[in-house]
N, C-alpha and C. Protein backbone atom coordinates (compact mmCIF):
# COMPACT_ATOMS: atom_id res chain seq x y z
N UNK A 1 55.41 -57.40 -50.91
CA UNK A 1 54.56 -57.29 -52.07
C UNK A 1 53.25 -58.02 -51.77
N UNK A 2 52.12 -57.40 -52.06
CA UNK A 2 50.83 -58.04 -51.80
C UNK A 2 50.65 -59.32 -52.64
N UNK A 3 49.83 -60.20 -52.12
CA UNK A 3 49.59 -61.48 -52.78
C UNK A 3 49.05 -61.28 -54.20
N UNK A 4 48.14 -60.36 -54.37
CA UNK A 4 47.55 -60.14 -55.70
C UNK A 4 48.62 -59.75 -56.72
N UNK A 5 49.54 -58.87 -56.33
CA UNK A 5 50.61 -58.46 -57.25
C UNK A 5 51.53 -59.63 -57.56
N UNK A 6 51.84 -60.43 -56.55
CA UNK A 6 52.67 -61.62 -56.77
C UNK A 6 52.00 -62.58 -57.73
N UNK A 7 50.71 -62.78 -57.55
CA UNK A 7 49.98 -63.70 -58.42
C UNK A 7 49.98 -63.20 -59.86
N UNK A 8 49.81 -61.90 -60.06
CA UNK A 8 49.83 -61.35 -61.41
C UNK A 8 51.21 -61.50 -62.03
N UNK A 9 52.24 -61.26 -61.26
CA UNK A 9 53.60 -61.39 -61.76
C UNK A 9 53.92 -62.85 -62.07
N UNK A 10 53.44 -63.75 -61.24
CA UNK A 10 53.64 -65.18 -61.49
C UNK A 10 52.93 -65.58 -62.79
N UNK A 11 51.73 -65.12 -62.99
CA UNK A 11 50.99 -65.43 -64.21
C UNK A 11 51.73 -64.92 -65.44
N UNK A 12 52.25 -63.69 -65.36
CA UNK A 12 52.99 -63.10 -66.46
C UNK A 12 54.24 -63.94 -66.77
N UNK A 13 54.92 -64.39 -65.74
CA UNK A 13 56.12 -65.19 -65.93
C UNK A 13 55.78 -66.55 -66.53
N UNK A 14 54.69 -67.15 -66.09
CA UNK A 14 54.25 -68.44 -66.67
C UNK A 14 53.97 -68.26 -68.16
N UNK A 15 53.34 -67.17 -68.54
CA UNK A 15 53.06 -66.90 -69.95
C UNK A 15 54.36 -66.75 -70.74
N UNK A 16 55.35 -66.08 -70.14
CA UNK A 16 56.65 -65.92 -70.80
C UNK A 16 57.33 -67.26 -71.00
N UNK A 17 57.27 -68.12 -69.98
CA UNK A 17 57.88 -69.46 -70.07
C UNK A 17 57.25 -70.21 -71.24
N UNK A 18 55.94 -70.20 -71.33
CA UNK A 18 55.26 -70.91 -72.40
C UNK A 18 55.64 -70.34 -73.77
N UNK A 19 55.76 -69.04 -73.86
CA UNK A 19 56.13 -68.40 -75.12
C UNK A 19 57.56 -68.79 -75.54
N UNK A 20 58.47 -68.79 -74.60
CA UNK A 20 59.86 -69.14 -74.90
C UNK A 20 59.98 -70.63 -75.23
N UNK A 21 59.16 -71.46 -74.61
CA UNK A 21 59.18 -72.89 -74.96
C UNK A 21 58.77 -73.10 -76.42
N UNK A 22 57.78 -72.36 -76.86
CA UNK A 22 57.36 -72.43 -78.27
C UNK A 22 58.46 -71.88 -79.17
N UNK A 23 59.06 -70.79 -78.74
CA UNK A 23 60.17 -70.21 -79.52
C UNK A 23 61.31 -71.22 -79.67
N UNK A 24 61.59 -71.95 -78.61
CA UNK A 24 62.66 -72.95 -78.65
C UNK A 24 62.34 -74.07 -79.63
N UNK A 25 61.11 -74.50 -79.64
CA UNK A 25 60.70 -75.57 -80.55
C UNK A 25 60.89 -75.17 -82.02
N UNK A 26 60.70 -73.90 -82.32
CA UNK A 26 60.76 -73.44 -83.69
C UNK A 26 62.09 -72.80 -84.08
N UNK A 27 63.02 -72.73 -83.13
CA UNK A 27 64.29 -72.05 -83.38
C UNK A 27 65.27 -72.93 -84.13
N UNK A 28 66.10 -72.31 -84.96
CA UNK A 28 67.16 -73.07 -85.61
C UNK A 28 68.19 -73.51 -84.56
N UNK A 29 68.91 -74.55 -84.88
CA UNK A 29 69.85 -75.16 -83.92
C UNK A 29 70.83 -74.14 -83.33
N UNK A 30 71.35 -73.25 -84.15
CA UNK A 30 72.38 -72.32 -83.67
C UNK A 30 71.85 -71.31 -82.65
N UNK A 31 70.55 -71.12 -82.56
CA UNK A 31 69.98 -70.18 -81.59
C UNK A 31 69.40 -70.89 -80.37
N UNK A 32 69.35 -72.20 -80.39
CA UNK A 32 68.70 -72.94 -79.31
C UNK A 32 69.39 -72.77 -77.96
N UNK A 33 70.71 -72.73 -77.92
CA UNK A 33 71.40 -72.63 -76.64
C UNK A 33 71.06 -71.32 -75.92
N UNK A 34 71.05 -70.23 -76.65
CA UNK A 34 70.70 -68.93 -76.04
C UNK A 34 69.26 -68.95 -75.53
N UNK A 35 68.38 -69.56 -76.28
CA UNK A 35 66.98 -69.63 -75.87
C UNK A 35 66.84 -70.55 -74.65
N UNK A 36 67.60 -71.63 -74.61
CA UNK A 36 67.57 -72.53 -73.45
C UNK A 36 68.03 -71.80 -72.19
N UNK A 37 69.05 -70.95 -72.31
CA UNK A 37 69.52 -70.17 -71.17
C UNK A 37 68.43 -69.22 -70.68
N UNK A 38 67.78 -68.56 -71.63
CA UNK A 38 66.69 -67.64 -71.29
C UNK A 38 65.55 -68.40 -70.60
N UNK A 39 65.23 -69.57 -71.13
CA UNK A 39 64.16 -70.39 -70.56
C UNK A 39 64.51 -70.85 -69.14
N UNK A 40 65.76 -71.25 -68.94
CA UNK A 40 66.20 -71.69 -67.61
C UNK A 40 66.04 -70.56 -66.59
N UNK A 41 66.42 -69.35 -66.97
CA UNK A 41 66.29 -68.20 -66.06
C UNK A 41 64.83 -67.88 -65.76
N UNK A 42 64.00 -67.94 -66.79
CA UNK A 42 62.57 -67.67 -66.58
C UNK A 42 61.93 -68.71 -65.67
N UNK A 43 62.30 -69.98 -65.86
CA UNK A 43 61.75 -71.04 -65.01
C UNK A 43 62.20 -70.87 -63.57
N UNK A 44 63.44 -70.46 -63.36
CA UNK A 44 63.94 -70.22 -62.00
C UNK A 44 63.15 -69.07 -61.35
N UNK A 45 62.91 -68.02 -62.11
CA UNK A 45 62.13 -66.89 -61.60
C UNK A 45 60.70 -67.32 -61.29
N UNK A 46 60.10 -68.10 -62.18
CA UNK A 46 58.74 -68.62 -61.97
C UNK A 46 58.68 -69.45 -60.69
N UNK A 47 59.63 -70.34 -60.52
CA UNK A 47 59.64 -71.19 -59.33
C UNK A 47 59.87 -70.39 -58.05
N UNK A 48 60.73 -69.36 -58.14
CA UNK A 48 60.98 -68.50 -56.98
C UNK A 48 59.71 -67.75 -56.58
N UNK A 49 59.02 -67.20 -57.57
CA UNK A 49 57.78 -66.46 -57.27
C UNK A 49 56.70 -67.39 -56.74
N UNK A 50 56.62 -68.58 -57.30
CA UNK A 50 55.64 -69.56 -56.83
C UNK A 50 55.89 -69.89 -55.36
N UNK A 51 57.15 -70.08 -54.98
CA UNK A 51 57.50 -70.40 -53.60
C UNK A 51 57.18 -69.23 -52.67
N UNK A 52 57.46 -68.01 -53.11
CA UNK A 52 57.14 -66.83 -52.30
C UNK A 52 55.63 -66.73 -52.10
N UNK A 53 54.88 -66.92 -53.18
CA UNK A 53 53.42 -66.83 -53.10
C UNK A 53 52.87 -67.89 -52.16
N UNK A 54 53.37 -69.11 -52.26
CA UNK A 54 52.91 -70.18 -51.37
C UNK A 54 53.23 -69.84 -49.91
N UNK A 55 54.41 -69.29 -49.68
CA UNK A 55 54.78 -68.90 -48.31
C UNK A 55 53.89 -67.82 -47.76
N UNK A 56 53.56 -66.84 -48.59
CA UNK A 56 52.67 -65.77 -48.15
C UNK A 56 51.27 -66.29 -47.86
N UNK A 57 50.78 -67.21 -48.71
CA UNK A 57 49.45 -67.77 -48.49
C UNK A 57 49.42 -68.57 -47.18
N UNK A 58 50.49 -69.32 -46.93
CA UNK A 58 50.52 -70.12 -45.71
C UNK A 58 50.51 -69.23 -44.47
N UNK A 59 51.27 -68.14 -44.52
CA UNK A 59 51.31 -67.23 -43.37
C UNK A 59 49.97 -66.51 -43.19
N UNK A 60 49.35 -66.13 -44.30
CA UNK A 60 48.11 -65.36 -44.20
C UNK A 60 46.92 -66.24 -43.83
N UNK A 61 46.87 -67.42 -44.42
CA UNK A 61 45.69 -68.28 -44.25
C UNK A 61 45.93 -69.45 -43.31
N UNK A 62 47.18 -69.65 -42.90
CA UNK A 62 47.48 -70.76 -41.99
C UNK A 62 47.29 -72.12 -42.62
N UNK A 63 47.54 -72.20 -43.92
CA UNK A 63 47.34 -73.45 -44.65
C UNK A 63 48.52 -74.36 -44.46
């Protein structure tokens, strides 16, 4: 996947994480666990994409 596409996908995932964090803050107690699970998965995906993007930049630019 090209770097530009990865960067766009990473940005989209970061926006989702922020949105779910706000949702968690405003959620009633009984829904918080499900939202926490969703947030955990999104953060893992965000971190995975960030690592892939960093690896691609290092290979392309020799950083």
